[in-house]
Each structure stands twice: as C-alpha cells, then as structure tokens.
Amino acid sequence: MATLLIADDNTDIRELYKMEFECEGYAVVTASDGVEALEMTKIHCPDLVILDIGMPEKDGLEVIGEISRLNGGTPVIVNTAYPLFKMDFRAHHATSWVEKSSNTDPLISAVRQIVEPDSESGGNGGE
C-alpha cells in the first residue's frame, strides 16, 4: 500500500482528500503547512506528496526543492488554484500538477498514474 502525504493549509480540502484516498486504499498522512510537510516527509518517507503552493511558514515552492534534496526520487503533485506557479523555476521539481477542486477525480487519476502506472494503462506491462 502506497503512502501519500497531503500538505494543504485548508482543513476541508485536507480532510476531503484524506478520506478519498483512504477509500482508494492508500495510507495517508497530512500536514497543514510547509514546515510540517517537511517533518512528515522525513518521518514517513511517503511514496508521493500532494502539495499546495499557498501555505504558511514555507510555501509549496520552497518545500518542493527541499523534498527533492531530502528524498531525491519522491514524486510531488502540485495541487493548486494558482497555475502561475509554473513560471517559477522551483516548480520544475514537481512531477505533475492538478488544479485544486472539490472534484477529486483528476487528482486520483494523477496519483494512480505515478504510483500505479500499470493500472492506468490496463496492465499491459509494456506491450
């Protein structure tokens, strides 16, 4: 079972995503700001991080770079309502980005593509 870290300062979004991903069979840890996200990354070594950009303490762009240095291969999905973040060079450490929404389908799909790539392609295993 893959472990996801969901870092978002919005409690409602954090809880919605936690519930949805636990129903999908993932283990989920959460963080409410950038500093806590880095602590949880060190403690839990998640398989994937879902990261908001606009957070207190350290914003998501600062956190992406630090996660990359801590756990070089940990994929990060940026989940934000602010697509202009892509203009910042630090955003290049992100594996993917998904626009923040109460519709979790695009985010769940993005997570599956990264964590379980064979399940999205029908399991053909490189035909």
C-alpha atoms as a PDB file:
ATOM      1  CA  MET A   1       0.000   0.000   0.000  1.00  0.00           C
ATOM      2  CA  ALA A   2       1.416   3.354  -1.058  1.00  0.00           C
ATOM      3  CA  THR A   3       1.698   6.177   1.462  1.00  0.00           C
ATOM      4  CA  LEU A   4       0.635   9.666   0.410  1.00  0.00           C
ATOM      5  CA  LEU A   5       1.415  12.922   2.154  1.00  0.00           C
ATOM      6  CA  ILE A   6      -1.240  15.594   1.643  1.00  0.00           C
ATOM      7  CA  ALA A   7       0.028  19.071   2.523  1.00  0.00           C
ATOM      8  CA  ASP A   8      -2.571  21.833   2.431  1.00  0.00           C
ATOM      9  CA  ASP A   9      -3.418  24.637   4.845  1.00  0.00           C
ATOM     10  CA  ASN A  10      -7.150  24.288   4.097  1.00  0.00           C
ATOM     11  CA  THR A  11      -8.559  21.823   6.625  1.00  0.00           C
ATOM     12  CA  ASP A  12     -11.605  20.987   4.493  1.00  0.00           C
ATOM     13  CA  ILE A  13      -9.506  20.155   1.416  1.00  0.00           C
ATOM     14  CA  ARG A  14      -7.025  18.171   3.505  1.00  0.00           C
ATOM     15  CA  GLU A  15      -9.794  16.087   5.107  1.00  0.00           C
ATOM     16  CA  LEU A  16     -11.658  15.572   1.808  1.00  0.00           C
ATOM     17  CA  TYR A  17      -8.518  14.331   0.072  1.00  0.00           C
ATOM     18  CA  LYS A  18      -7.553  12.153   3.063  1.00  0.00           C
ATOM     19  CA  MET A  19     -10.977  10.483   3.067  1.00  0.00           C
ATOM     20  CA  GLU A  20     -10.999   9.985  -0.721  1.00  0.00           C
ATOM     21  CA  PHE A  21      -7.511   8.488  -0.861  1.00  0.00           C
ATOM     22  CA  GLU A  22      -8.073   6.220   2.123  1.00  0.00           C
ATOM     23  CA  CYS A  23     -11.196   4.922   0.339  1.00  0.00           C
ATOM     24  CA  GLU A  24      -8.941   4.251  -2.666  1.00  0.00           C
ATOM     25  CA  GLY A  25      -6.712   2.083  -0.463  1.00  0.00           C
ATOM     26  CA  TYR A  26      -3.820   4.455   0.224  1.00  0.00           C
ATOM     27  CA  ALA A  27      -2.242   5.188   3.589  1.00  0.00           C
ATOM     28  CA  VAL A  28      -2.470   8.953   4.139  1.00  0.00           C
ATOM     29  CA  VAL A  29      -0.592  11.373   6.361  1.00  0.00           C
ATOM     30  CA  THR A  30      -1.334  15.087   6.363  1.00  0.00           C
ATOM     31  CA  ALA A  31       0.386  18.392   7.002  1.00  0.00           C
ATOM     32  CA  SER A  32      -1.116  21.853   7.427  1.00  0.00           C
ATOM     33  CA  ASP A  33       1.901  23.912   6.360  1.00  0.00           C
ATOM     34  CA  GLY A  34       5.247  23.660   4.627  1.00  0.00           C
ATOM     35  CA  VAL A  35       7.307  23.068   7.756  1.00  0.00           C
ATOM     36  CA  GLU A  36       5.038  20.239   8.877  1.00  0.00           C
ATOM     37  CA  ALA A  37       5.137  18.780   5.336  1.00  0.00           C
ATOM     38  CA  LEU A  38       8.921  18.524   5.531  1.00  0.00           C
ATOM     39  CA  GLU A  39       8.734  16.923   9.001  1.00  0.00           C
ATOM     40  CA  MET A  40       6.174  14.363   7.767  1.00  0.00           C
ATOM     41  CA  THR A  41       8.337  13.643   4.720  1.00  0.00           C
ATOM     42  CA  LYS A  42      11.310  12.846   6.961  1.00  0.00           C
ATOM     43  CA  ILE A  43       9.236  10.699   9.347  1.00  0.00           C
ATOM     44  CA  HIS A  44       7.023   8.789   6.897  1.00  0.00           C
ATOM     45  CA  CYS A  45       9.040   8.733   3.633  1.00  0.00           C
ATOM     46  CA  PRO A  46       5.845   8.909   1.534  1.00  0.00           C
ATOM     47  CA  ASP A  47       5.646   7.376  -1.915  1.00  0.00           C
ATOM     48  CA  LEU A  48       4.090  10.598  -3.228  1.00  0.00           C
ATOM     49  CA  VAL A  49       3.433  14.115  -1.935  1.00  0.00           C
ATOM     50  CA  ILE A  50       0.349  16.151  -2.860  1.00  0.00           C
ATOM     51  CA  LEU A  51       1.363  19.734  -2.199  1.00  0.00           C
ATOM     52  CA  ASP A  52      -0.471  23.048  -2.097  1.00  0.00           C
ATOM     53  CA  ILE A  53       1.551  26.107  -3.108  1.00  0.00           C
ATOM     54  CA  GLY A  54      -0.016  28.821  -0.925  1.00  0.00           C
ATOM     55  CA  MET A  55       0.777  27.643   2.616  1.00  0.00           C
ATOM     56  CA  PRO A  56       2.071  29.428   5.719  1.00  0.00           C
ATOM     57  CA  GLU A  57       5.551  29.010   7.201  1.00  0.00           C
ATOM     58  CA  LYS A  58       7.093  27.694   3.960  1.00  0.00           C
ATOM     59  CA  ASP A  59       5.218  27.835   0.694  1.00  0.00           C
ATOM     60  CA  GLY A  60       4.926  24.829  -1.559  1.00  0.00           C
ATOM     61  CA  LEU A  61       7.640  26.012  -3.924  1.00  0.00           C
ATOM     62  CA  GLU A  62      10.169  26.104  -1.081  1.00  0.00           C
ATOM     63  CA  VAL A  63       9.009  22.671   0.059  1.00  0.00           C
ATOM     64  CA  ILE A  64       9.321  21.085  -3.416  1.00  0.00           C
ATOM     65  CA  GLY A  65      13.022  21.878  -3.554  1.00  0.00           C
ATOM     66  CA  GLU A  66      13.657  20.605  -0.047  1.00  0.00           C
ATOM     67  CA  ILE A  67      11.737  17.373  -0.672  1.00  0.00           C
ATOM     68  CA  SER A  68      13.802  16.879  -3.805  1.00  0.00           C
ATOM     69  CA  ARG A  69      17.007  17.263  -1.786  1.00  0.00           C
ATOM     70  CA  LEU A  70      15.761  15.029   1.066  1.00  0.00           C
ATOM     71  CA  ASN A  71      14.300  12.167  -0.936  1.00  0.00           C
ATOM     72  CA  GLY A  72      15.573  12.710  -4.470  1.00  0.00           C
ATOM     73  CA  GLY A  73      13.041  10.440  -6.120  1.00  0.00           C
ATOM     74  CA  THR A  74       9.871  11.319  -4.203  1.00  0.00           C
ATOM     75  CA  PRO A  75       7.268  12.427  -6.747  1.00  0.00           C
ATOM     76  CA  VAL A  76       5.343  15.618  -5.982  1.00  0.00           C
ATOM     77  CA  ILE A  77       1.963  16.584  -7.406  1.00  0.00           C
ATOM     78  CA  VAL A  78       1.325  20.281  -7.040  1.00  0.00           C
ATOM     79  CA  ASN A  79      -2.351  20.814  -6.281  1.00  0.00           C
ATOM     80  CA  THR A  80      -3.155  24.495  -6.532  1.00  0.00           C
ATOM     81  CA  ALA A  81      -5.621  27.057  -7.764  1.00  0.00           C
ATOM     82  CA  TYR A  82      -2.699  29.254  -8.911  1.00  0.00           C
ATOM     83  CA  PRO A  83      -1.333  27.962 -12.243  1.00  0.00           C
ATOM     84  CA  LEU A  84       1.155  30.851 -12.466  1.00  0.00           C
ATOM     85  CA  PHE A  85       3.434  28.916 -10.123  1.00  0.00           C
ATOM     86  CA  LYS A  86       4.765  27.090 -13.199  1.00  0.00           C
ATOM     87  CA  MET A  87       6.657  30.257 -14.122  1.00  0.00           C
ATOM     88  CA  ASP A  88       8.875  29.800 -11.041  1.00  0.00           C
ATOM     89  CA  PHE A  89      11.993  27.708 -11.693  1.00  0.00           C
ATOM     90  CA  ARG A  90      11.438  25.777  -8.431  1.00  0.00           C
ATOM     91  CA  ALA A  91       8.242  24.337  -9.927  1.00  0.00           C
ATOM     92  CA  HIS A  92      10.333  22.158 -12.234  1.00  0.00           C
ATOM     93  CA  HIS A  93      10.893  19.755  -9.333  1.00  0.00           C
ATOM     94  CA  ALA A  94       7.180  18.852  -9.442  1.00  0.00           C
ATOM     95  CA  THR A  95       6.277  15.590 -11.148  1.00  0.00           C
ATOM     96  CA  SER A  96       2.809  16.820 -12.082  1.00  0.00           C
ATOM     97  CA  TRP A  97       0.237  19.457 -11.250  1.00  0.00           C
ATOM     98  CA  VAL A  98      -3.513  19.317 -10.857  1.00  0.00           C
ATOM     99  CA  GLU A  99      -5.859  22.247 -10.446  1.00  0.00           C
ATOM    100  CA  LYS A 100      -7.391  22.275  -6.959  1.00  0.00           C
ATOM    101  CA  SER A 101     -11.043  21.285  -6.948  1.00  0.00           C
ATOM    102  CA  SER A 102     -13.643  19.518  -4.843  1.00  0.00           C
ATOM    103  CA  ASN A 103     -13.839  17.029  -7.754  1.00  0.00           C
ATOM    104  CA  THR A 104     -11.094  14.618  -6.769  1.00  0.00           C
ATOM    105  CA  ASP A 105     -11.191  12.503  -9.947  1.00  0.00           C
ATOM    106  CA  PRO A 106      -8.332  14.330 -11.764  1.00  0.00           C
ATOM    107  CA  LEU A 107      -6.147  14.184  -8.656  1.00  0.00           C
ATOM    108  CA  ILE A 108      -6.883  10.496  -8.045  1.00  0.00           C
ATOM    109  CA  SER A 109      -6.052   9.773 -11.676  1.00  0.00           C
ATOM    110  CA  ALA A 110      -2.754  11.690 -11.446  1.00  0.00           C
ATOM    111  CA  VAL A 111      -1.800   9.785  -8.283  1.00  0.00           C
ATOM    112  CA  ARG A 112      -2.581   6.432  -9.917  1.00  0.00           C
ATOM    113  CA  GLN A 113      -0.511   7.319 -12.991  1.00  0.00           C
ATOM    114  CA  ILE A 114       2.502   7.959 -10.782  1.00  0.00           C
ATOM    115  CA  VAL A 115       2.103   5.362  -8.020  1.00  0.00           C
ATOM    116  CA  GLU A 116       0.466   2.574 -10.052  1.00  0.00           C
ATOM    117  CA  PRO A 117       1.342   3.261 -13.693  1.00  0.00           C
ATOM    118  CA  ASP A 118       0.324  -0.205 -14.902  1.00  0.00           C
ATOM    119  CA  SER A 119      -3.217   0.122 -13.516  1.00  0.00           C
ATOM    120  CA  GLU A 120      -3.889   3.212 -15.651  1.00  0.00           C
ATOM    121  CA  SER A 121      -2.663   1.577 -18.847  1.00  0.00           C
ATOM    122  CA  GLY A 122      -4.766  -1.519 -18.373  1.00  0.00           C
ATOM    123  CA  GLY A 123      -1.845  -3.546 -17.019  1.00  0.00           C
ATOM    124  CA  ASN A 124      -0.393  -4.422 -20.428  1.00  0.00           C
ATOM    125  CA  GLY A 125       3.091  -4.289 -18.958  1.00  0.00           C
ATOM    126  CA  GLY A 126       4.848  -2.708 -21.923  1.00  0.00           C
ATOM    127  CA  GLU A 127       3.219  -4.462 -24.852  1.00  0.00           C
END
